């Protein structure tokens, strides 16, 4: 039994060592991938923000989800829009974007306005995915004259009523929010989140996103429950379109379908499959958005 135990221990150590090597190699490639985006940095009142500004035509401001950054936002947008100017900033704490004293969704929306002012952009369509939905909704509420339309994809849903209690921390455990631990966890992505394990390569480098993920988990994600009275969804006048898949494991389809009724001018587009990324429906979404932006 002693020898069996030693063999098992040696196997575990070998496995962890090999995974460490593979992870380090993947992280190196991830940094090279980030360099290929040619992201820009701009100085705002609270500090620096990194962002991508690409294309011409109608302007799309992208609000990325948790574990994101300018890369995640840009990749999501280019798969949904034809011939548009895409502004994809990193939210607070993601990929070298600085963090203000109070990094709430309200402050994030204000930072987006600063960015647009610096770029001399008056109005935009706001396109938000997943956890980015909270800041996008805040933008629509606080700056109605700056938004042409609100587009929510697999987004965090507004609540139907003020909850008696809610989770103060809404995000992945802090212990796995680093390169190596998330790499080890990635084989379980399909079972736990409905995402392909290969998604880990888009999430790396995790260490450059960790602060942003903690902000999302402690401030952004609980905000619509914590400050329910401040999310007067019925007052949003911007035309709104919501895309959601029934098999989304990360953002509740039922909750968002119900919440869509709170928006005064909203179209809800449902998919039977595709998961959180609504994979396989890119052409359908693009066609719907073309019509949405023409009306």
Protein backbone atom coordinates (compact mmCIF):
# COMPACT_ATOMS: atom_id res chain seq x y z
CA UNK A 1 0.00 0.00 0.00
CA UNK A 2 2.92 2.31 0.72
CA UNK A 3 4.24 1.85 -2.81
CA UNK A 4 0.77 2.38 -4.27
CA UNK A 5 0.48 5.62 -2.34
CA UNK A 6 3.88 6.79 -3.54
CA UNK A 7 2.99 5.97 -7.15
CA UNK A 8 -0.28 7.87 -6.85
CA UNK A 9 1.45 10.85 -5.24
CA UNK A 10 4.11 10.82 -7.94
CA UNK A 11 1.45 10.69 -10.64
CA UNK A 12 -0.36 13.68 -9.14
CA UNK A 13 2.87 15.67 -8.89
CA UNK A 14 3.77 14.78 -12.48
CA UNK A 15 0.28 15.77 -13.70
CA UNK A 16 0.39 19.11 -11.88
CA UNK A 17 3.87 19.77 -13.22
CA UNK A 18 2.85 19.03 -16.81
CA UNK A 19 -0.23 21.21 -16.43
CA UNK A 20 1.92 24.00 -15.03
CA UNK A 21 4.14 23.82 -18.12
CA UNK A 22 1.15 23.78 -20.49
CA UNK A 23 -0.45 26.68 -18.61
CA UNK A 24 2.70 28.79 -18.77
CA UNK A 25 2.93 28.17 -22.50
CA UNK A 26 -0.73 29.14 -22.99
CA UNK A 27 -0.29 32.31 -20.93
CA UNK A 28 2.67 33.33 -23.08
CA UNK A 29 0.56 32.90 -26.21
CA UNK A 30 -2.27 34.86 -24.58
CA UNK A 31 0.00 37.87 -24.04
CA UNK A 32 1.05 37.72 -27.68
CA UNK A 33 -2.61 37.56 -28.68
CA UNK A 34 -3.38 40.70 -26.65
CA UNK A 35 -0.57 42.55 -28.41
CA UNK A 36 -2.20 41.79 -31.77
CA UNK A 37 -5.24 43.92 -30.88
CA UNK A 38 -3.17 47.13 -30.81
CA UNK A 39 -5.22 48.43 -27.90
CA UNK A 40 -4.96 52.09 -26.99
CA UNK A 41 -4.71 53.79 -23.60
CA UNK A 42 -6.42 57.04 -22.69
CA UNK A 43 -6.08 59.20 -19.59
CA UNK A 44 -9.40 59.95 -17.91
CA UNK A 45 -10.20 61.86 -14.71
CA UNK A 46 -9.66 58.83 -12.44
CA UNK A 47 -6.79 57.17 -14.33
CA UNK A 48 -6.17 55.19 -17.51
CA UNK A 49 -8.55 53.11 -19.59
CA UNK A 50 -7.49 50.63 -22.26
CA UNK A 51 -9.71 50.22 -25.30
CA UNK A 52 -10.00 49.20 -28.93
CA UNK A 53 -11.32 51.64 -31.54
CA UNK A 54 -11.80 49.91 -34.86
CA UNK A 55 -13.91 50.37 -37.96
CA UNK A 56 -16.16 53.06 -39.36
CA UNK A 57 -19.88 53.73 -39.49
CA UNK A 58 -22.44 53.64 -36.70
CA UNK A 59 -20.66 53.45 -33.34
CA UNK A 60 -21.06 50.47 -30.99
CA UNK A 61 -19.89 50.86 -27.39
CA UNK A 62 -19.16 47.36 -26.09
CA UNK A 63 -19.52 46.49 -22.40
CA UNK A 64 -17.81 43.16 -21.82
CA UNK A 65 -18.65 40.48 -19.27
CA UNK A 66 -16.84 39.02 -16.30
CA UNK A 67 -13.31 37.75 -16.91
CA UNK A 68 -13.24 39.99 -19.96
CA UNK A 69 -11.47 43.04 -21.27
CA UNK A 70 -11.16 44.86 -24.56
CA UNK A 71 -10.39 41.57 -26.30
CA UNK A 72 -13.51 39.77 -25.11
CA UNK A 73 -15.70 42.76 -25.90
CA UNK A 74 -14.23 43.26 -29.35
CA UNK A 75 -14.49 39.58 -30.27
CA UNK A 76 -18.15 39.50 -29.22
CA UNK A 77 -18.97 42.61 -31.24
CA UNK A 78 -17.26 41.68 -34.51
CA UNK A 79 -19.34 38.51 -34.57
CA UNK A 80 -22.58 40.49 -34.37
CA UNK A 81 -22.17 43.70 -36.37
CA UNK A 82 -21.40 44.47 -40.00
CA UNK A 83 -19.51 47.60 -41.05
CA UNK A 84 -19.63 49.41 -37.71
CA UNK A 85 -17.19 51.36 -35.58
CA UNK A 86 -16.51 49.28 -32.49
CA UNK A 87 -15.35 50.95 -29.28
CA UNK A 88 -14.41 48.15 -26.87
CA UNK A 89 -12.97 49.40 -23.56
CA UNK A 90 -11.78 47.33 -20.64
CA UNK A 91 -13.92 47.96 -17.58
CA UNK A 92 -12.41 48.83 -14.20
CA UNK A 93 -9.64 46.44 -13.20
CA UNK A 94 -9.46 44.57 -16.50
CA UNK A 95 -6.36 44.51 -18.72
CA UNK A 96 -4.62 47.57 -17.32
CA UNK A 97 -7.71 49.77 -16.93
CA UNK A 98 -7.33 51.69 -13.67
CA UNK A 99 -9.74 51.49 -10.76
CA UNK A 100 -11.36 54.60 -9.22
CA UNK A 101 -12.10 54.95 -5.53
CA UNK A 102 -15.67 53.68 -5.94
CA UNK A 103 -15.81 51.35 -8.97
CA UNK A 104 -19.58 50.92 -9.11
CA UNK A 105 -21.63 50.45 -12.31
CA UNK A 106 -22.70 54.09 -11.99
CA UNK A 107 -19.05 55.20 -12.02
CA UNK A 108 -18.34 52.81 -14.89
CA UNK A 109 -21.09 54.42 -16.97
CA UNK A 110 -19.62 57.83 -16.15
CA UNK A 111 -16.19 56.64 -17.27
CA UNK A 112 -17.69 55.50 -20.59
CA UNK A 113 -19.08 59.00 -21.07
CA UNK A 114 -15.63 60.47 -20.44
CA UNK A 115 -14.19 58.12 -23.05
CA UNK A 116 -16.83 59.07 -25.60
CA UNK A 117 -16.28 62.76 -24.91
CA UNK A 118 -12.54 62.37 -25.45
CA UNK A 119 -13.24 60.55 -28.74
CA UNK A 120 -15.77 63.24 -29.74
CA UNK A 121 -18.60 60.71 -30.05
CA UNK A 122 -22.06 62.04 -29.23
CA UNK A 123 -24.29 58.96 -29.41
CA UNK A 124 -23.75 55.21 -29.50
CA UNK A 125 -25.50 51.89 -29.49
CA UNK A 126 -24.55 50.13 -26.26
CA UNK A 127 -23.91 46.40 -26.64
CA UNK A 128 -23.43 44.45 -23.41
CA UNK A 129 -22.74 40.81 -22.67
CA UNK A 130 -23.18 38.86 -19.44
CA UNK A 131 -22.04 40.83 -16.36
CA UNK A 132 -21.59 43.92 -18.52
CA UNK A 133 -25.36 44.27 -18.64
CA UNK A 134 -25.50 46.07 -15.30
CA UNK A 135 -23.19 48.91 -16.39
CA UNK A 136 -24.97 49.13 -19.76
CA UNK A 137 -28.38 49.47 -18.09
CA UNK A 138 -26.90 52.08 -15.77
CA UNK A 139 -25.62 53.96 -18.84
CA UNK A 140 -29.09 53.90 -20.42
CA UNK A 141 -30.67 55.23 -17.24
CA UNK A 142 -28.13 57.95 -16.50
CA UNK A 143 -27.36 59.18 -20.03
CA UNK A 144 -30.51 58.76 -22.13
CA UNK A 145 -29.39 61.47 -24.57
CA UNK A 146 -26.19 59.57 -25.41
CA UNK A 147 -27.70 56.19 -26.31
CA UNK A 148 -29.39 55.25 -29.59
CA UNK A 149 -30.23 51.71 -28.57
CA UNK A 150 -29.50 49.14 -25.87
CA UNK A 151 -28.46 45.62 -26.87
CA UNK A 152 -28.21 42.96 -24.17
CA UNK A 153 -26.81 39.51 -24.94
CA UNK A 154 -26.87 36.73 -22.32
CA UNK A 155 -27.03 39.58 -19.87
CA UNK A 156 -27.53 39.76 -16.15
CA UNK A 157 -31.30 40.38 -15.77
CA UNK A 158 -32.88 43.21 -13.79
CA UNK A 159 -34.97 42.01 -10.87
CA UNK A 160 -38.77 42.04 -10.89
CA UNK A 161 -38.99 43.15 -7.27
CA UNK A 162 -36.70 44.13 -4.41
CA UNK A 163 -35.24 40.96 -2.88
CA UNK A 164 -35.38 40.32 0.85
CA UNK A 165 -31.85 38.97 0.64
CA UNK A 166 -29.19 38.44 -2.00
CA UNK A 167 -25.67 37.09 -2.36
CA UNK A 168 -23.08 39.72 -1.45
CA UNK A 169 -20.47 37.92 -3.58
CA UNK A 170 -21.58 36.92 -7.08
CA UNK A 171 -18.69 35.51 -9.05
CA UNK A 172 -16.18 32.67 -9.23
CA UNK A 173 -14.27 31.91 -6.03
CA UNK A 174 -11.33 34.25 -5.69
CA UNK A 175 -9.00 31.28 -5.18
CA UNK A 176 -9.41 30.13 -8.79
CA UNK A 177 -9.14 33.58 -10.36
CA UNK A 178 -5.56 33.10 -11.49
CA UNK A 179 -3.87 31.54 -14.47
CA UNK A 180 -2.95 28.14 -13.04
CA UNK A 181 -6.06 27.38 -10.99
CA UNK A 182 -8.44 28.35 -13.81
CA UNK A 183 -6.37 26.25 -16.19
CA UNK A 184 -6.82 23.24 -13.91
CA UNK A 185 -10.54 23.98 -13.64
CA UNK A 186 -11.10 24.38 -17.40
CA UNK A 187 -11.94 20.69 -18.10
CA UNK A 188 -15.06 21.27 -15.97
CA UNK A 189 -16.26 24.32 -17.94
CA UNK A 190 -18.80 22.33 -19.96
CA UNK A 191 -20.39 20.71 -16.95
CA UNK A 192 -20.47 23.79 -14.72
CA UNK A 193 -20.94 26.69 -17.14
CA UNK A 194 -21.91 25.18 -20.47
CA UNK A 195 -18.72 26.52 -22.05
CA UNK A 196 -16.17 24.59 -24.06
CA UNK A 197 -12.89 23.90 -22.19
CA UNK A 198 -11.03 25.67 -25.01
CA UNK A 199 -12.53 28.92 -23.71
CA UNK A 200 -9.64 29.04 -21.25
CA UNK A 201 -7.42 30.36 -24.04
CA UNK A 202 -9.70 33.42 -24.41
CA UNK A 203 -9.76 33.95 -20.64
CA UNK A 204 -5.99 34.00 -20.19
CA UNK A 205 -4.12 35.87 -18.86
CA UNK A 206 -6.35 35.60 -15.80
CA UNK A 207 -3.90 37.50 -13.60
CA UNK A 208 -4.52 40.64 -15.69
CA UNK A 209 -8.28 40.34 -15.12
CA UNK A 210 -8.44 39.29 -11.47
CA UNK A 211 -9.09 42.76 -10.02
CA UNK A 212 -11.90 43.35 -12.47
CA UNK A 213 -13.48 40.00 -11.63
CA UNK A 214 -13.43 40.85 -7.93
CA UNK A 215 -15.11 44.19 -8.67
CA UNK A 216 -17.79 42.40 -10.64
CA UNK A 217 -18.32 39.80 -7.92
CA UNK A 218 -18.58 42.30 -5.06
CA UNK A 219 -20.02 45.44 -6.71
CA UNK A 220 -21.31 45.10 -10.28
CA UNK A 221 -23.18 41.80 -10.12
CA UNK A 222 -25.05 42.46 -6.83
CA UNK A 223 -25.82 46.11 -7.72
CA UNK A 224 -29.27 45.62 -9.23
CA UNK A 225 -30.33 43.84 -6.03
CA UNK A 226 -28.42 46.05 -3.59
CA UNK A 227 -29.69 49.26 -5.17
CA UNK A 228 -32.96 47.98 -6.60
CA UNK A 229 -34.72 51.35 -6.27
CA UNK A 230 -32.11 53.00 -8.49
CA UNK A 231 -32.83 50.64 -11.41
CA UNK A 232 -36.06 52.11 -12.70
CA UNK A 233 -36.00 50.00 -15.85
CA UNK A 234 -39.42 51.27 -16.97
CA UNK A 235 -37.89 54.73 -17.46
CA UNK A 236 -35.44 53.57 -20.13
CA UNK A 237 -36.66 55.16 -23.36
CA UNK A 238 -33.95 53.79 -25.66
CA UNK A 239 -35.14 51.02 -27.91
CA UNK A 240 -33.87 47.75 -26.50
CA UNK A 241 -33.23 44.28 -27.86
CA UNK A 242 -32.38 41.26 -25.72
CA UNK A 243 -30.83 38.02 -26.97
CA UNK A 244 -30.89 34.97 -24.71
CA UNK A 245 -30.61 31.19 -25.06
CA UNK A 246 -32.80 28.82 -23.09
CA UNK A 247 -29.84 26.60 -22.17
CA UNK A 248 -27.71 29.43 -20.73
CA UNK A 249 -26.17 28.12 -17.50
CA UNK A 250 -24.70 31.44 -16.35
CA UNK A 251 -27.54 33.95 -16.78
CA UNK A 252 -31.13 32.84 -16.21
CA UNK A 253 -33.22 32.72 -19.37
CA UNK A 254 -36.50 32.75 -17.44
CA UNK A 255 -35.47 35.70 -15.29
CA UNK A 256 -34.42 37.73 -18.32
CA UNK A 257 -37.56 36.84 -20.28
CA UNK A 258 -39.65 38.11 -17.38
CA UNK A 259 -37.45 41.17 -16.87
CA UNK A 260 -37.77 42.13 -20.54
CA UNK A 261 -41.35 43.17 -19.77
CA UNK A 262 -40.03 46.01 -17.61
CA UNK A 263 -38.45 47.73 -20.63
CA UNK A 264 -40.87 50.11 -22.34
CA UNK A 265 -39.59 49.54 -25.88
CA UNK A 266 -38.09 46.05 -25.98
CA UNK A 267 -37.76 43.10 -28.33
CA UNK A 268 -36.87 39.75 -26.77
CA UNK A 269 -35.14 37.28 -29.10
CA UNK A 270 -35.05 33.70 -27.85
CA UNK A 271 -32.88 30.76 -28.89
CA UNK A 272 -33.41 27.13 -27.98
CA UNK A 273 -29.69 26.44 -27.74
CA UNK A 274 -26.27 28.06 -27.97
CA UNK A 275 -25.56 28.46 -24.27
CA UNK A 276 -24.13 31.60 -22.74
CA UNK A 277 -22.33 32.57 -25.95
CA UNK A 278 -25.39 31.72 -28.11
CA UNK A 279 -22.94 29.81 -30.29
CA UNK A 280 -24.02 28.85 -33.79
CA UNK A 281 -26.49 31.73 -34.20
CA UNK A 282 -24.14 34.50 -35.25
CA UNK A 283 -25.71 35.06 -38.68
CA UNK A 284 -29.22 35.19 -37.21
CA UNK A 285 -28.16 37.71 -34.60
CA UNK A 286 -26.35 39.83 -37.16
CA UNK A 287 -29.43 39.94 -39.41
CA UNK A 288 -31.70 40.92 -36.50
CA UNK A 289 -29.30 43.65 -35.42
CA UNK A 290 -29.10 45.06 -38.94
CA UNK A 291 -32.88 45.57 -38.88
CA UNK A 292 -32.82 46.85 -35.29
CA UNK A 293 -30.34 49.57 -36.16
CA UNK A 294 -32.16 50.59 -39.34
CA UNK A 295 -35.46 51.28 -37.56
